[in-house]
Amino acid sequence: MYQQNGWNDTIVAPATAQGVSAISVIRLSGSLAFLIMDRLFPAKKISGQNTHTLHVGFLKDGDRVIDEVVVSVFRSPRSYTGEDMAEISCHGSPYIVQQILDACINHGARIAKPGEFTQRAFLNGKLDLTQAEAVADLIASNSAASHKTALNAIRGGFSKKLKELREDMIRFSALNELELDFSQEDIEFADRKQFYSLISELRQTVDQLLSSFKIGNAIRNGVSVAIIGKPNAGKSTLLNTLLNEDRAIVSDIPGTTRDTIEEVINIDGILFRLIDTAGIRKHTSDVIEAAGVERSLEKMKKADLVLFLFDVSDAKDEIARLISELQKEQLNFLPVANKIDQVGELSARKNFSDIEKVIFVSAKAQLHTDILRERMVDAVVEGKLQVEDTVITNARHYHALKQVQQSLSDIRKGLDEKVPGDLLASDIRRCLYYLGEITGQVTNEEQLDYIFSKFCIGK
């Protein structure tokens, strides 16, 4: 058994999901990766093979054959982690996978921590921190939009622009610090006009990124949508229509839906979590229905978007009052007039012409539900979904950018008021710190452990 010390010890873990499958992949990375393979793979001396080559043969632990496998060779620095790395493709039996892991451990490897392969890629300069985080987002992507934004971030995304601006800021900071050394000479090394221009460019970039977070959050986590309204407004029918299946029980009896029902649909690459709530009415003698109404109100207040569904035969004044209450709650909502098939669309539009942005549909007849879907997307992304290179999805990035934004405001104010260079230098350092924190140029061990602990084991 080989011995090793330091963070560059050799790690091993399955890269594929647990369970029975046709193929499983096991990753081995570190200074002893090829030496361990030489012990386990007698068909060829892996340590003598070229990078990016495949080798077929039997994997053995001593005289015992474990499996016939394919070994992929990736030599440092041309590997995912930047280290010597081997990937073992074996048959997908959990027993076989465990036997291979045990054999690697017996010869000097250890089980990798969650995200440790990607953490090593970051530490070895293969990825910056935003790209590393995007790897986890890509694995977890469950829609076209989340896939695109994660892929864009892995390619460099906004981090490249931030790095360039940070380097410009560092150059100015160095000149400003030089001025402090010659403070008695009244010499100006840093061009203030150029710095104003740099601050404006950086502020514009940061503002764009911050404004994209609402979209990014919707792309990454999905959008919770509460369908609310009076009993028999057609909420369950609308849910079934949007899902294109009979998920909720539909009945003419008021109060049929006693509890919330949640389902997920994908509209234009964004996941919407639809919540069909119990009909909201102020007075009911049914204890169970009353509990459902209370839960509906809670779901409404927590939702990212509310669909306020009402019957076109309802009194206009009552609907206007309910909409006014929703506006007072500062909810993001869409008023949806249902059952236009019963009274006619023109009549319904004329009756509610005083209420803005009403969407007229028939959930039962599936009239204009395509328009409702479009409006749901618009209510979340505000037409900005295609601006992929300006979308951030990570809360850590958002909070760091808020600090950068505040620092830039302080720097600009200091320039306007011609504050001393030492005070200006303090704000510049703070700005540089948070810019570096986003891309990983400024890190600490606890922060890295937290970020990569959220990854799956084999990544």
Protein backbone atom coordinates (compact mmCIF):
# COMPACT_ATOMS: atom_id res chain seq x y z
CA MET A 1 0.00 0.00 0.00
CA TYR A 2 1.28 3.43 -0.98
CA GLN A 3 1.48 6.30 1.52
CA GLN A 4 0.94 9.97 0.72
CA ASN A 5 0.37 13.25 2.49
CA GLY A 6 -1.00 16.70 1.69
CA TRP A 7 -4.10 17.96 -0.12
CA ASN A 8 -2.91 16.33 -3.33
CA ASP A 9 -3.56 12.83 -2.03
CA THR A 10 -5.38 10.46 -4.37
CA ILE A 11 -9.17 10.40 -4.27
CA VAL A 12 -11.68 7.97 -5.71
CA ALA A 13 -15.48 8.03 -6.11
CA PRO A 14 -18.26 6.87 -8.44
CA ALA A 15 -19.09 9.52 -11.04
CA THR A 16 -22.41 7.90 -11.94
CA ALA A 17 -25.57 7.60 -9.87
CA GLN A 18 -26.12 4.79 -7.39
CA GLY A 19 -28.18 1.79 -8.42
CA VAL A 20 -28.11 -0.94 -11.05
CA SER A 21 -27.21 0.24 -14.56
CA ALA A 22 -25.47 -0.99 -17.71
CA ILE A 23 -22.33 1.03 -17.05
CA SER A 24 -20.82 2.80 -14.04
CA VAL A 25 -17.86 5.17 -14.06
CA ILE A 26 -15.38 5.48 -11.19
CA ARG A 27 -12.97 8.41 -11.01
CA LEU A 28 -9.47 8.26 -9.56
CA SER A 29 -7.43 11.48 -9.28
CA GLY A 30 -4.14 12.39 -7.64
CA SER A 31 -0.42 11.68 -7.59
CA LEU A 32 -0.86 7.91 -7.13
CA ALA A 33 -3.71 7.43 -9.61
CA PHE A 34 -1.61 5.67 -12.28
CA LEU A 35 0.47 3.67 -9.81
CA ILE A 36 -2.74 2.31 -8.25
CA MET A 37 -4.01 1.40 -11.71
CA ASP A 38 -0.74 -0.41 -12.45
CA ARG A 39 -1.47 -2.63 -9.44
CA LEU A 40 -5.10 -3.27 -10.39
CA PHE A 41 -4.90 -3.41 -14.20
CA PRO A 42 -2.25 -5.97 -15.22
CA ALA A 43 -3.27 -5.93 -18.90
CA LYS A 44 -1.21 -2.75 -19.46
CA LYS A 45 1.06 -0.48 -17.50
CA ILE A 46 -1.24 2.55 -17.23
CA SER A 47 1.55 4.80 -15.94
CA GLY A 48 3.29 4.38 -19.31
CA GLN A 49 0.28 5.20 -21.51
CA ASN A 50 -0.39 8.46 -23.35
CA THR A 51 -3.01 10.90 -22.15
CA HIS A 52 -6.56 10.70 -23.51
CA THR A 53 -6.32 7.00 -24.41
CA LEU A 54 -8.63 4.07 -23.64
CA HIS A 55 -7.54 0.58 -22.54
CA VAL A 56 -9.64 -2.59 -22.23
CA GLY A 57 -8.80 -5.42 -19.87
CA PHE A 58 -9.57 -7.21 -16.61
CA LEU A 59 -9.37 -5.33 -13.31
CA LYS A 60 -7.86 -7.57 -10.62
CA ASP A 61 -7.24 -7.28 -6.91
CA GLY A 62 -4.35 -9.71 -6.52
CA ASP A 63 -5.38 -12.92 -8.27
CA ARG A 64 -9.10 -12.14 -7.99
CA VAL A 65 -10.80 -10.80 -11.14
CA ILE A 66 -13.27 -8.04 -10.32
CA ASP A 67 -14.58 -7.07 -13.77
CA GLU A 68 -13.67 -6.42 -17.39
CA VAL A 69 -13.35 -2.67 -17.70
CA VAL A 70 -12.30 0.26 -19.88
CA VAL A 71 -9.69 2.57 -18.34
CA SER A 72 -9.45 6.17 -19.59
CA VAL A 73 -6.14 7.94 -19.03
CA PHE A 74 -5.89 11.72 -18.47
CA ARG A 75 -2.43 13.06 -17.68
CA SER A 76 -1.76 16.26 -15.75
CA PRO A 77 -2.45 19.04 -16.59
CA ARG A 78 -4.83 17.94 -19.36
CA SER A 79 -7.48 16.46 -17.08
CA TYR A 80 -10.62 17.73 -15.40
CA THR A 81 -8.86 18.16 -12.06
CA GLY A 82 -5.50 19.20 -13.49
CA GLU A 83 -3.96 16.10 -11.84
CA ASP A 84 -3.15 12.63 -13.14
CA MET A 85 -6.56 11.05 -13.47
CA ALA A 86 -8.06 7.71 -14.50
CA GLU A 87 -11.69 6.81 -15.12
CA ILE A 88 -12.79 3.19 -14.83
CA SER A 89 -15.86 2.23 -16.85
CA CYS A 90 -17.23 -1.00 -15.39
CA HIS A 91 -20.50 -2.92 -15.40
CA GLY A 92 -23.12 -1.12 -13.35
CA SER A 93 -23.53 -3.59 -10.51
CA PRO A 94 -23.41 -1.87 -7.10
CA TYR A 95 -21.38 -4.87 -5.87
CA ILE A 96 -18.75 -4.43 -8.61
CA VAL A 97 -18.55 -0.68 -7.99
CA GLN A 98 -17.95 -1.24 -4.29
CA GLN A 99 -15.30 -3.90 -4.98
CA ILE A 100 -13.38 -1.50 -7.23
CA LEU A 101 -13.64 1.31 -4.67
CA ASP A 102 -12.36 -0.99 -1.92
CA ALA A 103 -9.45 -2.11 -4.11
CA CYS A 104 -8.45 1.51 -4.87
CA ILE A 105 -8.66 2.40 -1.17
CA ASN A 106 -6.57 -0.63 -0.20
CA HIS A 107 -3.82 0.61 -2.53
CA GLY A 108 -3.67 4.17 -1.18
CA ALA A 109 -6.68 6.19 -2.35
CA ARG A 110 -9.42 7.62 -0.18
CA ILE A 111 -13.09 8.32 -0.87
CA ALA A 112 -13.55 11.83 -2.24
CA LYS A 113 -15.58 14.42 -0.38
CA PRO A 114 -18.61 15.99 -2.11
CA GLY A 115 -17.41 18.20 -4.94
CA GLU A 116 -13.73 17.45 -4.32
CA PHE A 117 -12.92 16.71 -7.96
CA THR A 118 -14.29 20.11 -9.00
CA GLN A 119 -12.63 21.77 -6.01
CA ARG A 120 -9.29 20.43 -7.22
CA ALA A 121 -10.07 21.71 -10.71
CA PHE A 122 -10.56 25.16 -9.15
CA LEU A 123 -7.43 24.97 -6.99
CA ASN A 124 -5.39 23.88 -10.01
CA GLY A 125 -6.65 26.79 -12.11
CA LYS A 126 -8.79 24.74 -14.49
CA LEU A 127 -11.94 26.66 -13.51
CA ASP A 128 -12.67 29.87 -11.66
CA LEU A 129 -15.15 29.72 -8.80
CA THR A 130 -18.18 30.83 -10.83
CA GLN A 131 -17.41 28.15 -13.44
CA ALA A 132 -17.00 25.54 -10.71
CA GLU A 133 -20.36 26.46 -9.20
CA ALA A 134 -21.91 26.31 -12.67
CA VAL A 135 -20.86 22.64 -12.90
CA ALA A 136 -23.24 21.84 -10.03
CA ASP A 137 -25.93 23.97 -11.67
CA LEU A 138 -25.47 22.11 -14.96
CA ILE A 139 -25.86 18.73 -13.23
CA ALA A 140 -29.00 19.98 -11.47
CA SER A 141 -30.46 21.71 -14.57
CA ASN A 142 -34.00 20.55 -15.25
CA SER A 143 -35.07 22.92 -18.03
CA ALA A 144 -33.70 24.40 -21.25
CA ALA A 145 -33.19 27.81 -19.64
CA SER A 146 -31.30 26.49 -16.59
CA HIS A 147 -29.16 24.34 -18.90
CA LYS A 148 -28.24 27.33 -21.09
CA THR A 149 -27.37 29.66 -18.22
CA ALA A 150 -25.23 27.01 -16.49
CA LEU A 151 -23.44 26.16 -19.74
CA ASN A 152 -22.80 29.85 -20.40
CA ALA A 153 -21.31 30.27 -16.92
CA ILE A 154 -19.02 27.26 -17.41
CA ARG A 155 -17.72 28.85 -20.61
CA GLY A 156 -16.73 31.95 -18.68
CA GLY A 157 -19.97 33.93 -18.67
CA PHE A 158 -19.82 37.19 -16.81
CA SER A 159 -16.71 36.25 -14.82
CA LYS A 160 -14.41 37.09 -17.74
CA LYS A 161 -15.78 40.62 -17.90
CA LEU A 162 -15.53 41.07 -14.14
CA LYS A 163 -11.91 39.86 -14.16
CA GLU A 164 -10.97 42.39 -16.86
CA LEU A 165 -12.60 45.25 -14.95
CA ARG A 166 -10.98 44.09 -11.70
CA GLU A 167 -7.55 44.14 -13.35
CA ASP A 168 -8.19 47.71 -14.55
CA MET A 169 -9.24 48.61 -11.01
CA ILE A 170 -6.06 47.03 -9.60
CA ARG A 171 -3.91 49.12 -11.95
CA PHE A 172 -5.60 52.32 -10.83
CA SER A 173 -5.36 51.24 -7.20
CA ALA A 174 -1.60 50.71 -7.61
CA LEU A 175 -1.21 54.21 -9.04
CA ASN A 176 -3.32 55.64 -6.24
CA GLU A 177 -1.18 53.85 -3.64
CA LEU A 178 1.91 55.27 -5.37
CA GLU A 179 0.51 58.75 -4.96
CA LEU A 180 0.29 58.14 -1.21
CA ASP A 181 4.04 57.53 -1.16
CA PHE A 182 4.57 60.92 -2.77
CA SER A 183 1.83 62.77 -0.89
CA GLN A 184 4.23 65.59 0.02
CA GLU A 185 5.08 66.18 -3.64
CA ASP A 186 1.47 66.70 -4.80
CA ILE A 187 2.03 64.36 -7.77
CA GLU A 188 -0.93 62.71 -9.55
CA PHE A 189 -0.13 59.36 -11.17
CA ALA A 190 -3.73 58.13 -11.63
CA ASP A 191 -5.83 59.77 -14.33
CA ARG A 192 -9.09 60.72 -12.60
CA LYS A 193 -11.02 61.01 -15.88
CA GLN A 194 -10.10 57.47 -16.87
CA PHE A 195 -11.07 56.26 -13.41
CA TYR A 196 -14.49 57.93 -13.70
CA SER A 197 -14.95 56.07 -16.98
CA LEU A 198 -13.88 52.77 -15.40
CA ILE A 199 -16.25 53.26 -12.46
CA SER A 200 -19.14 53.99 -14.84
CA GLU A 201 -18.41 50.90 -16.95
CA LEU A 202 -18.14 48.66 -13.90
CA ARG A 203 -21.28 50.14 -12.36
CA GLN A 204 -23.21 49.50 -15.57
CA THR A 205 -22.05 45.87 -15.66
CA VAL A 206 -22.88 45.31 -12.00
CA ASP A 207 -26.32 46.93 -12.33
CA GLN A 208 -27.15 44.69 -15.31
CA LEU A 209 -26.10 41.59 -13.40
CA LEU A 210 -28.07 42.54 -10.31
CA SER A 211 -31.20 43.24 -12.33
CA SER A 212 -30.90 39.81 -13.96
CA PHE A 213 -31.04 37.96 -10.63
CA LYS A 214 -34.84 37.85 -10.59
CA ILE A 215 -34.76 36.05 -13.94
CA GLY A 216 -31.84 33.88 -12.88
CA ASN A 217 -33.57 32.81 -9.69
CA ALA A 218 -36.65 31.80 -11.68
CA ILE A 219 -34.49 29.85 -14.14
CA ARG A 220 -32.58 28.02 -11.42
CA ASN A 221 -35.29 27.32 -8.85
CA GLY A 222 -38.50 27.50 -10.85
CA VAL A 223 -41.49 29.77 -10.24
CA SER A 224 -44.17 29.04 -7.66
CA VAL A 225 -47.60 29.95 -9.04
CA ALA A 226 -50.66 30.03 -6.76
CA ILE A 227 -54.00 29.70 -8.55
CA ILE A 228 -56.50 31.49 -6.33
CA GLY A 229 -60.13 32.53 -6.56
CA LYS A 230 -63.59 31.93 -5.20
CA PRO A 231 -65.05 28.40 -5.08
CA ASN A 232 -66.12 27.17 -8.53
CA ALA A 233 -64.09 29.79 -10.40
CA GLY A 234 -62.52 26.92 -12.34
CA LYS A 235 -59.13 26.68 -10.64
CA SER A 236 -58.88 22.89 -10.79
CA THR A 237 -60.04 22.88 -14.41
CA LEU A 238 -57.38 25.45 -15.27
CA LEU A 239 -54.73 23.35 -13.52
CA ASN A 240 -55.77 20.27 -15.49
CA THR A 241 -55.76 22.25 -18.75
CA LEU A 242 -52.31 23.71 -18.18
CA LEU A 243 -50.98 20.27 -17.24
CA ASN A 244 -52.89 18.61 -20.08
CA GLU A 245 -54.05 15.88 -17.70
CA ASP A 246 -56.77 15.26 -15.10
CA ARG A 247 -54.74 15.91 -11.95
CA ALA A 248 -57.35 17.69 -9.82
CA ILE A 249 -60.94 16.62 -9.13
CA VAL A 250 -63.40 18.90 -10.93
CA SER A 251 -66.92 19.39 -9.56
CA ASP A 252 -69.72 21.97 -9.55
CA ILE A 253 -69.95 21.57 -5.79
CA PRO A 254 -68.30 24.56 -4.03
CA GLY A 255 -65.42 23.59 -1.76
CA THR A 256 -64.46 20.40 -3.63
CA THR A 257 -60.74 21.26 -3.39
CA ARG A 258 -59.98 21.06 0.34
CA ASP A 259 -56.19 21.19 0.23
CA THR A 260 -53.50 22.55 -2.06
CA ILE A 261 -52.35 20.46 -5.05
CA GLU A 262 -48.93 21.10 -6.56
CA GLU A 263 -47.68 20.11 -10.01
CA VAL A 264 -44.84 21.26 -12.29
CA ILE A 265 -44.97 22.33 -15.94
CA ASN A 266 -42.28 23.59 -18.28
CA ILE A 267 -43.12 26.70 -20.30
CA ASP A 268 -40.47 28.04 -22.69
CA GLY A 269 -37.70 26.40 -20.68
CA ILE A 270 -38.84 27.68 -17.27
CA LEU A 271 -40.35 25.44 -14.60
CA PHE A 272 -43.59 26.66 -13.06
CA ARG A 273 -44.80 24.96 -9.87
CA LEU A 274 -48.58 25.28 -10.10
CA ILE A 275 -50.46 25.29 -6.81
CA ASP A 276 -54.21 24.69 -7.02
CA THR A 277 -55.62 26.17 -3.83
CA ALA A 278 -58.89 25.71 -2.00
CA GLY A 279 -61.53 28.25 -3.03
CA ILE A 280 -61.29 31.40 -0.93
CA ARG A 281 -64.49 32.48 0.77
CA LYS A 282 -64.88 34.26 4.06
CA HIS A 283 -67.59 32.11 5.63
CA THR A 284 -67.75 28.32 5.66
CA SER A 285 -69.11 25.93 8.30
CA ASP A 286 -66.84 23.10 7.13
CA VAL A 287 -63.78 22.90 9.42
CA ILE A 288 -61.68 21.06 6.83
CA GLU A 289 -62.56 23.54 4.10
CA ALA A 290 -61.75 26.44 6.44
CA ALA A 291 -58.29 24.96 7.06
CA GLY A 292 -57.82 24.66 3.30
CA VAL A 293 -58.74 28.31 2.79
CA GLU A 294 -56.21 29.38 5.42
CA ARG A 295 -53.51 27.32 3.70
CA SER A 296 -54.47 28.87 0.37
CA LEU A 297 -53.87 32.36 1.76
CA GLU A 298 -50.44 31.29 3.02
CA LYS A 299 -49.51 29.85 -0.38
CA MET A 300 -50.70 33.03 -2.08
CA LYS A 301 -48.44 35.28 0.02
CA LYS A 302 -45.38 33.08 -0.56
CA ALA A 303 -45.88 32.56 -4.31
CA ASP A 304 -43.68 34.21 -6.96
CA LEU A 305 -46.74 34.66 -9.17
CA VAL A 306 -50.47 34.56 -8.45
CA LEU A 307 -53.16 33.70 -10.99
CA PHE A 308 -56.33 35.37 -9.73
CA LEU A 309 -59.08 33.39 -11.45
CA PHE A 310 -62.65 34.67 -11.49
CA ASP A 311 -65.89 33.83 -13.28
CA VAL A 312 -66.87 36.30 -16.03
CA SER A 313 -70.39 36.21 -14.62
CA ASP A 314 -69.16 37.67 -11.29
CA ALA A 315 -70.00 41.25 -10.43
CA LYS A 316 -67.43 43.67 -11.84
CA ASP A 317 -67.34 45.80 -8.67
CA GLU A 318 -66.53 42.76 -6.51
CA ILE A 319 -63.71 41.67 -8.82
CA ALA A 320 -62.28 45.20 -8.86
CA ARG A 321 -62.32 45.21 -5.05
CA LEU A 322 -60.49 41.86 -4.87
CA ILE A 323 -57.88 43.06 -7.36
CA SER A 324 -57.37 46.18 -5.26
CA GLU A 325 -56.71 43.96 -2.22
CA LEU A 326 -54.13 41.97 -4.16
CA GLN A 327 -52.42 45.22 -5.18
CA LYS A 328 -52.29 46.34 -1.55
CA GLU A 329 -50.53 43.08 -0.70
CA GLN A 330 -47.96 44.00 -3.41
CA LEU A 331 -48.32 40.60 -5.03
CA ASN A 332 -47.14 39.78 -8.53
CA PHE A 333 -50.45 38.63 -10.00
CA LEU A 334 -52.34 38.15 -13.25
CA PRO A 335 -56.13 38.66 -13.35
CA VAL A 336 -57.70 35.81 -15.34
CA ALA A 337 -61.35 35.90 -16.40
CA ASN A 338 -62.64 32.34 -16.91
CA LYS A 339 -65.66 30.72 -18.64
CA ILE A 340 -65.84 33.07 -21.64
CA ASP A 341 -67.39 30.16 -23.55
CA GLN A 342 -70.56 30.61 -21.48
CA VAL A 343 -71.20 34.32 -22.02
CA GLY A 344 -69.19 35.07 -25.14
CA GLU A 345 -65.75 36.66 -25.33
CA LEU A 346 -66.89 40.06 -26.64
CA SER A 347 -69.47 40.41 -23.87
CA ALA A 348 -66.91 39.45 -21.23
CA ARG A 349 -64.33 41.92 -22.54
CA LYS A 350 -66.92 44.72 -22.60
CA ASN A 351 -68.03 43.99 -19.03
CA PHE A 352 -64.47 44.08 -17.62
CA SER A 353 -63.03 46.76 -19.91
CA ASP A 354 -62.25 49.02 -16.93
CA ILE A 355 -59.89 46.44 -15.36
CA GLU A 356 -56.37 46.46 -16.76
CA LYS A 357 -54.47 43.50 -18.19
CA VAL A 358 -57.22 40.91 -17.75
CA ILE A 359 -56.58 37.64 -19.58
CA PHE A 360 -59.82 36.13 -20.93
CA VAL A 361 -59.87 32.32 -21.11
CA SER A 362 -62.04 29.26 -20.99
CA ALA A 363 -60.21 26.59 -19.02
CA LYS A 364 -62.84 24.00 -19.91
CA ALA A 365 -62.83 24.75 -23.65
CA GLN A 366 -59.08 25.51 -23.62
CA LEU A 367 -59.56 28.94 -25.18
CA HIS A 368 -56.63 31.41 -24.98
CA THR A 369 -54.72 29.28 -22.46
CA ASP A 370 -51.72 29.69 -24.79
CA ILE A 371 -51.93 33.45 -24.20
CA LEU A 372 -52.03 32.81 -20.45
CA ARG A 373 -48.84 30.74 -20.70
CA GLU A 374 -47.10 33.56 -22.59
CA ARG A 375 -48.18 36.11 -19.99
CA MET A 376 -46.94 33.86 -17.18
CA VAL A 377 -43.46 33.80 -18.74
CA ASP A 378 -43.54 37.57 -19.37
CA ALA A 379 -44.55 38.23 -15.76
CA VAL A 380 -41.37 36.48 -14.60
CA VAL A 381 -38.68 37.26 -17.16
CA GLU A 382 -40.01 40.58 -18.50
CA GLY A 383 -38.80 39.73 -22.01
CA LYS A 384 -35.13 39.45 -20.97
CA LEU A 385 -34.63 35.69 -21.05
CA GLN A 386 -32.46 35.77 -24.20
CA VAL A 387 -29.80 37.99 -22.57
CA GLU A 388 -27.92 34.90 -21.39
CA ASP A 389 -24.56 36.54 -20.81
CA THR A 390 -26.03 38.87 -18.16
CA VAL A 391 -28.02 36.34 -16.12
CA ILE A 392 -26.86 35.40 -12.62
CA THR A 393 -28.53 32.57 -10.73
CA ASN A 394 -26.38 32.32 -7.61
CA ALA A 395 -27.35 34.10 -4.37
CA ARG A 396 -23.67 34.28 -3.35
CA HIS A 397 -22.86 36.25 -6.50
CA TYR A 398 -25.84 38.53 -5.92
CA HIS A 399 -24.83 39.49 -2.37
CA ALA A 400 -21.20 40.07 -3.41
CA LEU A 401 -22.34 42.26 -6.31
CA LYS A 402 -24.47 44.33 -3.93
CA GLN A 403 -21.30 45.02 -1.94
CA VAL A 404 -19.47 45.95 -5.15
CA GLN A 405 -22.30 48.30 -6.07
CA GLN A 406 -22.10 50.06 -2.70
CA SER A 407 -18.29 50.30 -2.95
CA LEU A 408 -18.54 51.87 -6.40
CA SER A 409 -21.00 54.45 -5.07
CA ASP A 410 -18.60 55.30 -2.24
CA ILE A 411 -15.66 55.56 -4.67
CA ARG A 412 -17.62 57.85 -6.99
CA LYS A 413 -18.70 60.02 -4.08
CA GLY A 414 -15.09 60.19 -2.87
CA LEU A 415 -13.88 61.29 -6.31
CA ASP A 416 -16.59 63.95 -6.51
CA GLU A 417 -15.69 65.30 -3.08
CA LYS A 418 -11.93 64.98 -3.74
CA VAL A 419 -11.34 62.97 -0.55
CA PRO A 420 -7.74 62.08 0.39
CA GLY A 421 -6.17 59.14 -1.46
CA ASP A 422 -5.90 56.98 1.65
CA LEU A 423 -9.68 57.12 2.20
CA LEU A 424 -10.29 56.42 -1.49
CA ALA A 425 -7.90 53.45 -1.30
CA SER A 426 -10.02 51.85 1.42
CA ASP A 427 -13.15 51.85 -0.77
CA ILE A 428 -11.17 50.57 -3.75
CA ARG A 429 -9.80 47.65 -1.71
CA ARG A 430 -13.31 46.76 -0.58
CA CYS A 431 -14.53 46.79 -4.19
CA LEU A 432 -11.60 44.61 -5.30
CA TYR A 433 -12.21 42.18 -2.46
CA TYR A 434 -15.83 41.47 -3.41
CA LEU A 435 -15.07 41.30 -7.13
CA GLY A 436 -12.38 38.73 -6.34
CA GLU A 437 -14.73 36.83 -4.04
CA ILE A 438 -17.15 36.22 -6.92
CA THR A 439 -14.59 34.62 -9.24
CA GLY A 440 -12.54 32.97 -6.50
CA GLN A 441 -9.50 35.24 -6.69
CA VAL A 442 -10.23 35.97 -3.03
CA THR A 443 -11.23 32.89 -1.02
CA ASN A 444 -10.96 31.22 2.34
CA GLU A 445 -11.04 27.54 3.25
CA GLU A 446 -14.41 27.67 5.01
CA GLN A 447 -16.06 29.32 2.02
CA LEU A 448 -14.69 26.72 -0.39
CA ASP A 449 -15.72 23.84 1.88
CA TYR A 450 -19.26 25.24 2.03
CA ILE A 451 -19.55 25.76 -1.72
CA PHE A 452 -18.23 22.36 -2.76
CA SER A 453 -20.04 20.45 0.00
CA LYS A 454 -23.24 20.99 -1.98
CA PHE A 455 -21.91 19.00 -4.95
CA CYS A 456 -22.52 15.32 -5.52
CA ILE A 457 -19.75 12.96 -4.38
CA GLY A 458 -18.25 12.04 -7.77
CA LYS A 459 -18.09 15.59 -9.08
